[in-house]
Amino acid sequence: MTTAPPFTITPPADLLRTHPHIKGMADRISTAYEKHLLVEEEHLQAMGQALWDALALGDSLELAKQASGQQVLPIIIASADAAILTLPWETLYHPTYGFLGREAGFSLSRRNLTVSVALPALQREPLRVLLFTSLPDNLSELERLDVEAEQAAVQEALMEQERLGEIVLEMPDDGRLDTLRDTLQQFQPHLVYLSGHGNFTHEHHKELSRNNFPLFC
């Protein structure tokens, strides 16, 4: 289901001063949960109604919901006051819709206005692809993977994107673990394609089995 533009609620900065009973109600509910006591739904509804009444939003939510049609209407509680944000807004209770945090037609979240939501500008850059191949030195020709053919296939598949500058392909000739670590740090690839081949010697296999180490083949 798609979502509509958010309905942002900014509680008054003096909410807790003008409605001191709200803090008391919230503290009692919090204490009950901490002590694993039963909290009846009627208590949550009373809390939610007190919050809604303190906001004095009139019929603005109904109008926003009508405008959203069948879409989910996101409700955002926005404040720079941590004490206000920590109130149990999940209990927010509307006279028509009931618990807004539970009603399927809404979503409920908080936004701390002291935290910047601005994201850094995205930089347009090519996709960095690392093809890293590692083989034991002591393999016979029949046991070796055809590394050259594999590299050629990858190059052919990415040739057009490389030509357009959309992809940068890196293929180190050195397959040591240190080289992989250094390349990851310096090249910082977006995509890593690891190709490797190895084997267990008989003595190594017996030693691992004796020590109950798992073996993967």
Protein backbone atom coordinates (compact mmCIF):
# COMPACT_ATOMS: atom_id res chain seq x y z
CA MET A 1 0.00 0.00 0.00
CA THR A 2 1.32 3.45 -0.92
CA THR A 3 1.69 6.30 1.55
CA ALA A 4 0.39 9.85 1.42
CA PRO A 5 2.35 12.99 2.32
CA PRO A 6 2.91 12.96 6.10
CA PHE A 7 0.66 14.67 8.60
CA THR A 8 3.13 16.36 10.94
CA ILE A 9 2.10 17.18 14.50
CA THR A 10 4.28 19.67 16.36
CA PRO A 11 3.16 19.69 20.01
CA PRO A 12 3.34 23.07 21.77
CA ALA A 13 6.65 23.65 23.51
CA ASP A 14 4.79 24.30 26.79
CA LEU A 15 2.65 21.16 26.52
CA LEU A 16 3.89 19.62 29.76
CA ARG A 17 3.55 22.90 31.64
CA THR A 18 0.00 23.59 30.52
CA HIS A 19 -1.07 19.93 30.83
CA PRO A 20 0.88 18.59 33.85
CA HIS A 21 -1.51 15.63 34.26
CA ILE A 22 -0.16 14.13 31.02
CA LYS A 23 3.29 13.59 32.53
CA GLY A 24 1.73 11.95 35.59
CA MET A 25 -0.38 9.60 33.48
CA ALA A 26 2.61 8.67 31.34
CA ASP A 27 4.77 7.98 34.40
CA ARG A 28 2.13 5.70 35.94
CA ILE A 29 1.82 3.66 32.75
CA SER A 30 5.60 3.41 32.43
CA THR A 31 5.95 2.28 36.05
CA ALA A 32 3.23 -0.34 35.59
CA TYR A 33 5.03 -1.81 32.59
CA GLU A 34 8.36 -1.80 34.44
CA LYS A 35 6.75 -3.79 37.28
CA HIS A 36 5.09 -6.15 34.78
CA LEU A 37 1.64 -5.10 35.96
CA LEU A 38 -1.45 -5.42 33.78
CA VAL A 39 -2.25 -2.21 31.91
CA GLU A 40 -5.85 -2.21 30.73
CA GLU A 41 -6.74 -0.84 27.31
CA GLU A 42 -8.99 1.72 28.95
CA HIS A 43 -5.95 3.20 30.69
CA LEU A 44 -4.10 3.43 27.38
CA GLN A 45 -7.14 5.01 25.78
CA ALA A 46 -7.37 7.60 28.55
CA MET A 47 -3.69 8.42 28.01
CA GLY A 48 -4.18 8.70 24.26
CA GLN A 49 -7.27 10.87 24.60
CA ALA A 50 -5.43 13.22 26.94
CA LEU A 51 -2.65 13.58 24.39
CA TRP A 52 -5.08 14.21 21.54
CA ASP A 53 -7.06 16.79 23.51
CA ALA A 54 -3.86 18.63 24.45
CA LEU A 55 -2.93 18.99 20.77
CA ALA A 56 -6.18 20.81 19.91
CA LEU A 57 -5.98 19.86 16.23
CA GLY A 58 -9.70 20.11 15.49
CA ASP A 59 -10.72 18.25 12.33
CA SER A 60 -7.36 18.65 10.57
CA LEU A 61 -6.58 14.94 10.75
CA GLU A 62 -9.94 13.98 9.22
CA LEU A 63 -9.31 16.36 6.33
CA ALA A 64 -5.81 14.97 5.78
CA LYS A 65 -7.15 11.43 5.84
CA GLN A 66 -9.85 12.26 3.32
CA ALA A 67 -7.24 13.80 1.04
CA SER A 68 -5.04 10.69 1.30
CA GLY A 69 -7.82 8.44 0.01
CA GLN A 70 -6.87 4.77 0.28
CA GLN A 71 -3.22 5.54 1.01
CA VAL A 72 -1.63 5.11 4.42
CA LEU A 73 -1.33 8.48 6.13
CA PRO A 74 2.00 8.83 8.00
CA ILE A 75 1.67 10.75 11.26
CA ILE A 76 4.90 12.33 12.52
CA ILE A 77 5.28 13.71 16.05
CA ALA A 78 7.93 16.41 15.66
CA SER A 79 9.57 18.20 18.58
CA ALA A 80 12.92 19.48 19.79
CA ASP A 81 12.02 18.58 23.40
CA ALA A 82 13.12 15.11 24.47
CA ALA A 83 10.58 15.08 27.30
CA ILE A 84 7.77 15.59 24.79
CA LEU A 85 9.11 13.00 22.38
CA THR A 86 9.30 10.35 25.11
CA LEU A 87 5.60 10.64 25.92
CA PRO A 88 3.67 7.49 24.93
CA TRP A 89 2.50 8.78 21.56
CA GLU A 90 1.78 5.19 20.52
CA THR A 91 -1.39 5.53 22.59
CA LEU A 92 -2.58 8.62 20.69
CA TYR A 93 -6.35 8.15 20.49
CA HIS A 94 -8.61 9.88 17.97
CA PRO A 95 -12.37 10.20 18.63
CA THR A 96 -13.20 8.68 15.21
CA TYR A 97 -10.23 6.49 14.26
CA GLY A 98 -9.29 5.18 17.70
CA PHE A 99 -5.66 4.29 18.40
CA LEU A 100 -3.80 5.91 15.52
CA GLY A 101 -0.69 3.81 16.06
CA ARG A 102 -2.77 0.65 15.62
CA GLU A 103 -5.18 1.73 12.91
CA ALA A 104 -4.25 0.24 9.51
CA GLY A 105 -4.82 3.52 7.68
CA PHE A 106 -2.06 5.33 9.59
CA SER A 107 1.59 4.99 10.57
CA LEU A 108 3.11 6.76 13.56
CA SER A 109 6.67 7.94 14.12
CA ARG A 110 8.70 10.59 15.93
CA ARG A 111 11.09 13.20 14.58
CA ASN A 112 13.66 14.98 16.70
CA LEU A 113 13.88 18.51 15.34
CA THR A 114 17.34 19.00 16.82
CA VAL A 115 18.74 16.33 14.50
CA SER A 116 19.43 17.40 10.95
CA VAL A 117 17.73 15.20 8.38
CA ALA A 118 19.66 16.70 5.48
CA LEU A 119 21.59 14.09 3.54
CA PRO A 120 24.86 14.81 1.77
CA ALA A 121 24.57 15.39 -1.94
CA LEU A 122 25.02 12.21 -3.90
CA GLN A 123 28.06 12.13 -6.12
CA ARG A 124 27.67 10.65 -9.55
CA GLU A 125 30.49 8.17 -9.97
CA PRO A 126 31.11 4.88 -11.75
CA LEU A 127 30.36 1.53 -10.15
CA ARG A 128 33.62 0.07 -8.85
CA VAL A 129 33.83 -3.68 -9.48
CA LEU A 130 36.57 -5.88 -8.05
CA LEU A 131 37.24 -9.30 -9.59
CA PHE A 132 39.59 -11.11 -7.24
CA THR A 133 40.90 -14.56 -8.09
CA SER A 134 42.95 -16.75 -5.76
CA LEU A 135 44.55 -20.12 -6.55
CA PRO A 136 47.07 -22.32 -4.73
CA ASP A 137 50.55 -22.21 -6.25
CA ASN A 138 51.01 -25.98 -6.36
CA LEU A 139 48.06 -26.95 -8.58
CA SER A 140 48.70 -28.82 -11.78
CA GLU A 141 47.51 -27.44 -15.10
CA LEU A 142 44.57 -29.85 -15.07
CA GLU A 143 43.49 -28.69 -11.60
CA ARG A 144 43.78 -24.98 -12.22
CA LEU A 145 40.78 -22.82 -12.99
CA ASP A 146 40.93 -21.00 -16.31
CA VAL A 147 41.47 -17.61 -14.72
CA GLU A 148 42.22 -15.86 -17.99
CA ALA A 149 38.98 -17.08 -19.58
CA GLU A 150 37.01 -16.02 -16.51
CA GLN A 151 38.54 -12.54 -16.54
CA ALA A 152 37.92 -12.22 -20.27
CA ALA A 153 34.26 -13.18 -19.81
CA VAL A 154 33.78 -10.55 -17.10
CA GLN A 155 35.55 -7.91 -19.18
CA GLU A 156 33.38 -8.72 -22.18
CA ALA A 157 30.20 -8.52 -20.11
CA LEU A 158 31.16 -5.11 -18.71
CA MET A 159 32.85 -3.71 -21.80
CA GLU A 160 30.07 -1.35 -22.87
CA GLN A 161 29.58 0.06 -19.35
CA GLU A 162 33.35 0.54 -19.02
CA ARG A 163 33.43 2.39 -22.33
CA LEU A 164 30.67 4.71 -21.12
CA GLY A 165 32.50 5.35 -17.86
CA GLU A 166 29.73 3.72 -15.83
CA ILE A 167 31.96 0.97 -14.44
CA VAL A 168 35.58 0.72 -13.29
CA LEU A 169 36.87 -2.86 -13.21
CA GLU A 170 39.86 -3.87 -11.08
CA MET A 171 41.47 -7.33 -11.49
CA PRO A 172 44.64 -7.77 -9.36
CA ASP A 173 47.13 -10.40 -10.53
CA ASP A 174 48.18 -11.18 -6.96
CA GLY A 175 45.69 -13.46 -5.16
CA ARG A 176 47.11 -13.22 -1.66
CA LEU A 177 44.87 -12.29 1.27
CA ASP A 178 46.99 -9.22 2.02
CA THR A 179 46.41 -8.01 -1.53
CA LEU A 180 42.67 -8.45 -1.15
CA ARG A 181 42.67 -6.46 2.09
CA ASP A 182 44.77 -3.66 0.60
CA THR A 183 42.65 -3.50 -2.55
CA LEU A 184 39.43 -3.31 -0.56
CA GLN A 185 40.81 -0.41 1.47
CA GLN A 186 42.27 1.51 -1.46
CA PHE A 187 39.83 0.76 -4.29
CA GLN A 188 36.72 0.63 -2.07
CA PRO A 189 34.64 -1.41 -4.52
CA HIS A 190 30.86 -1.37 -4.60
CA LEU A 191 30.79 -4.94 -5.92
CA VAL A 192 33.26 -7.73 -5.14
CA TYR A 193 33.41 -10.87 -7.26
CA LEU A 194 35.52 -13.51 -5.50
CA SER A 195 36.72 -16.51 -7.46
CA GLY A 196 38.87 -19.09 -5.75
CA HIS A 197 40.01 -22.67 -5.68
CA GLY A 198 41.68 -24.71 -2.98
CA ASN A 199 42.15 -28.15 -1.50
CA PHE A 200 42.89 -29.94 1.75
CA THR A 201 46.00 -32.00 2.13
CA HIS A 202 45.55 -35.40 3.76
CA GLU A 203 47.60 -34.44 6.82
CA HIS A 204 45.77 -31.15 7.24
CA HIS A 205 42.43 -32.92 6.91
CA LYS A 206 43.31 -35.41 9.64
CA GLU A 207 44.53 -32.67 11.98
CA LEU A 208 41.32 -30.67 11.57
CA SER A 209 39.18 -33.76 12.08
CA ARG A 210 41.11 -34.68 15.23
CA ASN A 211 40.37 -31.25 16.69
CA ASN A 212 36.69 -31.38 15.70
CA PHE A 213 36.95 -28.38 13.38
CA PRO A 214 34.22 -28.20 10.73
CA LEU A 215 35.34 -28.95 7.19
CA PHE A 216 33.84 -27.32 4.15
CA CYS A 217 34.39 -28.69 0.68
